[in-house]
Amino acid sequence: MLKVLGLAAQNNVFDANMIRTFRARLTNAGALDPLFADFDRKLKARGYACPIEAPVRPEPTAAPA
């Protein structure tokens, strides 16, 4: 899988905890929604669009057992 993604074993790859922390920081700074809104505008300007509006689910508070 790493080869398909253009990564090697020695590359740093973000884990779920790092992504969760980054998302929390963006949310706390009030930057998450504007960031995704800007991304969505740029995609639509280039002819890409999601055919359905999928709600963003809140992240789970604990890992499933």
N, C-alpha and C. Protein backbone atom coordinates (compact mmCIF):
# COMPACT_ATOMS: atom_id res chain seq x y z
N MET A 1 0.81 -1.19 0.00
CA MET A 1 0.00 0.00 0.00
C MET A 1 0.86 1.26 0.00
N LEU A 2 1.94 1.27 0.76
CA LEU A 2 2.80 2.45 0.78
C LEU A 2 3.34 2.78 -0.59
N LYS A 3 3.69 1.77 -1.36
CA LYS A 3 4.24 2.02 -2.69
C LYS A 3 3.19 2.69 -3.58
N VAL A 4 1.94 2.25 -3.47
CA VAL A 4 0.86 2.85 -4.26
C VAL A 4 0.71 4.33 -3.93
N LEU A 5 0.89 4.68 -2.65
CA LEU A 5 0.76 6.07 -2.22
C LEU A 5 2.02 6.89 -2.45
N GLY A 6 3.07 6.26 -2.96
CA GLY A 6 4.32 6.97 -3.20
C GLY A 6 5.11 7.20 -1.93
N LEU A 7 4.92 6.36 -0.94
CA LEU A 7 5.62 6.50 0.33
C LEU A 7 6.58 5.34 0.52
N ALA A 8 7.60 5.57 1.27
CA ALA A 8 8.53 4.51 1.65
C ALA A 8 8.40 4.29 3.15
N ALA A 9 8.91 3.18 3.63
CA ALA A 9 8.78 2.83 5.04
C ALA A 9 9.39 3.90 5.95
N GLN A 10 10.40 4.61 5.48
CA GLN A 10 11.06 5.60 6.33
C GLN A 10 10.33 6.94 6.34
N ASN A 11 9.33 7.14 5.47
CA ASN A 11 8.57 8.38 5.48
C ASN A 11 7.71 8.48 6.73
N ASN A 12 7.58 9.70 7.23
CA ASN A 12 6.65 9.93 8.33
C ASN A 12 5.24 9.94 7.78
N VAL A 13 4.37 9.15 8.38
CA VAL A 13 2.98 9.08 7.96
C VAL A 13 2.13 9.47 9.16
N PHE A 14 1.16 10.34 8.92
CA PHE A 14 0.30 10.79 10.00
C PHE A 14 -0.54 9.63 10.52
N ASP A 15 -0.62 9.51 11.83
CA ASP A 15 -1.49 8.49 12.41
C ASP A 15 -2.81 9.15 12.82
N ALA A 16 -3.76 8.33 13.25
CA ALA A 16 -5.09 8.84 13.58
C ALA A 16 -5.03 9.88 14.70
N ASN A 17 -4.15 9.68 15.66
CA ASN A 17 -4.07 10.62 16.78
C ASN A 17 -3.59 12.00 16.30
N MET A 18 -2.62 12.03 15.41
CA MET A 18 -2.12 13.32 14.91
C MET A 18 -3.21 14.03 14.12
N ILE A 19 -3.94 13.29 13.29
CA ILE A 19 -5.01 13.88 12.50
C ILE A 19 -6.12 14.40 13.41
N ARG A 20 -6.47 13.63 14.44
CA ARG A 20 -7.50 14.03 15.39
C ARG A 20 -7.08 15.31 16.14
N THR A 21 -5.82 15.37 16.54
CA THR A 21 -5.31 16.55 17.24
C THR A 21 -5.33 17.78 16.33
N PHE A 22 -4.91 17.60 15.09
CA PHE A 22 -4.90 18.70 14.12
C PHE A 22 -6.32 19.20 13.88
N ARG A 23 -7.26 18.26 13.73
CA ARG A 23 -8.66 18.63 13.51
C ARG A 23 -9.20 19.40 14.71
N ALA A 24 -8.88 18.93 15.92
CA ALA A 24 -9.34 19.61 17.13
C ALA A 24 -8.79 21.03 17.20
N ARG A 25 -7.53 21.21 16.84
CA ARG A 25 -6.93 22.56 16.86
C ARG A 25 -7.60 23.47 15.84
N LEU A 26 -7.87 22.95 14.66
CA LEU A 26 -8.57 23.75 13.65
C LEU A 26 -9.96 24.13 14.14
N THR A 27 -10.67 23.17 14.76
CA THR A 27 -12.01 23.42 15.26
C THR A 27 -11.97 24.47 16.36
N ASN A 28 -11.07 24.32 17.32
CA ASN A 28 -10.96 25.27 18.43
C ASN A 28 -10.61 26.67 17.96
N ALA A 29 -9.87 26.76 16.86
CA ALA A 29 -9.49 28.07 16.31
C ALA A 29 -10.59 28.66 15.42
N GLY A 30 -11.67 27.88 15.21
CA GLY A 30 -12.75 28.35 14.34
C GLY A 30 -12.36 28.33 12.88
N ALA A 31 -11.38 27.51 12.52
CA ALA A 31 -10.87 27.51 11.15
C ALA A 31 -11.34 26.31 10.32
N LEU A 32 -11.91 25.29 10.95
CA LEU A 32 -12.26 24.08 10.21
C LEU A 32 -13.33 24.33 9.15
N ASP A 33 -14.45 24.94 9.55
CA ASP A 33 -15.54 25.18 8.59
C ASP A 33 -15.10 26.12 7.46
N PRO A 34 -14.44 27.25 7.75
CA PRO A 34 -13.99 28.11 6.64
C PRO A 34 -13.00 27.40 5.71
N LEU A 35 -12.16 26.55 6.28
CA LEU A 35 -11.19 25.81 5.47
C LEU A 35 -11.89 24.89 4.48
N PHE A 36 -12.87 24.12 4.99
CA PHE A 36 -13.59 23.21 4.11
C PHE A 36 -14.49 23.95 3.13
N ALA A 37 -15.04 25.08 3.54
CA ALA A 37 -15.86 25.88 2.63
C ALA A 37 -15.01 26.40 1.47
N ASP A 38 -13.81 26.86 1.77
CA ASP A 38 -12.90 27.33 0.72
C ASP A 38 -12.50 26.19 -0.21
N PHE A 39 -12.20 25.04 0.39
CA PHE A 39 -11.84 23.85 -0.40
C PHE A 39 -13.00 23.47 -1.33
N ASP A 40 -14.23 23.47 -0.79
CA ASP A 40 -15.41 23.14 -1.58
C ASP A 40 -15.59 24.11 -2.74
N ARG A 41 -15.41 25.42 -2.48
CA ARG A 41 -15.53 26.43 -3.55
C ARG A 41 -14.51 26.17 -4.66
N LYS A 42 -13.28 25.84 -4.26
CA LYS A 42 -12.24 25.60 -5.25
C LYS A 42 -12.53 24.36 -6.08
N LEU A 43 -13.04 23.31 -5.44
CA LEU A 43 -13.40 22.10 -6.19
C LEU A 43 -14.52 22.40 -7.18
N LYS A 44 -15.56 23.10 -6.72
CA LYS A 44 -16.69 23.42 -7.60
C LYS A 44 -16.26 24.31 -8.76
N ALA A 45 -15.32 25.22 -8.51
CA ALA A 45 -14.83 26.10 -9.57
C ALA A 45 -14.11 25.31 -10.66
N ARG A 46 -13.59 24.15 -10.29
CA ARG A 46 -12.90 23.30 -11.27
C ARG A 46 -13.78 22.18 -11.81
N GLY A 47 -15.07 22.24 -11.46
CA GLY A 47 -16.02 21.28 -12.01
C GLY A 47 -16.22 20.02 -11.18
N TYR A 48 -15.69 19.98 -9.98
CA TYR A 48 -15.90 18.84 -9.10
C TYR A 48 -16.98 19.18 -8.09
N ALA A 49 -17.85 18.24 -7.84
CA ALA A 49 -18.88 18.47 -6.85
C ALA A 49 -19.35 17.14 -6.27
N CYS A 50 -19.72 17.17 -5.03
CA CYS A 50 -20.27 15.99 -4.38
C CYS A 50 -21.76 15.94 -4.71
N PRO A 51 -22.26 14.82 -5.23
CA PRO A 51 -23.67 14.77 -5.63
C PRO A 51 -24.64 14.78 -4.45
N ILE A 52 -24.17 14.50 -3.26
CA ILE A 52 -25.04 14.52 -2.08
C ILE A 52 -24.37 15.32 -0.98
N GLU A 53 -25.15 15.84 -0.10
CA GLU A 53 -24.61 16.54 1.06
C GLU A 53 -24.52 15.53 2.19
N ALA A 54 -23.33 15.13 2.53
CA ALA A 54 -23.13 14.16 3.60
C ALA A 54 -22.80 14.92 4.88
N PRO A 55 -23.53 14.63 5.95
CA PRO A 55 -23.24 15.31 7.21
C PRO A 55 -21.90 14.87 7.77
N VAL A 56 -21.23 15.78 8.43
CA VAL A 56 -19.98 15.46 9.09
C VAL A 56 -20.34 14.91 10.46
N ARG A 57 -19.90 13.70 10.72
CA ARG A 57 -20.19 13.07 12.00
C ARG A 57 -19.15 13.49 13.02
N PRO A 58 -19.58 13.71 14.26
CA PRO A 58 -18.59 14.04 15.28
C PRO A 58 -17.67 12.84 15.53
N GLU A 59 -16.46 13.13 15.90
CA GLU A 59 -15.53 12.04 16.14
C GLU A 59 -15.91 11.32 17.42
N PRO A 60 -15.68 10.02 17.48
CA PRO A 60 -16.03 9.28 18.70
C PRO A 60 -15.16 9.75 19.87
N THR A 61 -15.72 9.67 21.06
CA THR A 61 -14.98 10.11 22.23
C THR A 61 -14.02 9.03 22.73
N ALA A 62 -14.28 7.79 22.39
CA ALA A 62 -13.41 6.70 22.81
C ALA A 62 -13.31 5.68 21.69
N ALA A 63 -12.20 4.98 21.64
CA ALA A 63 -12.02 3.95 20.63
C ALA A 63 -12.97 2.79 20.91
N PRO A 64 -13.56 2.22 19.84
CA PRO A 64 -14.45 1.06 20.05
C PRO A 64 -13.69 -0.09 20.70
N ALA A 65 -14.37 -0.79 21.55
CA ALA A 65 -13.74 -1.92 22.25
C ALA A 65 -13.75 -3.17 21.40
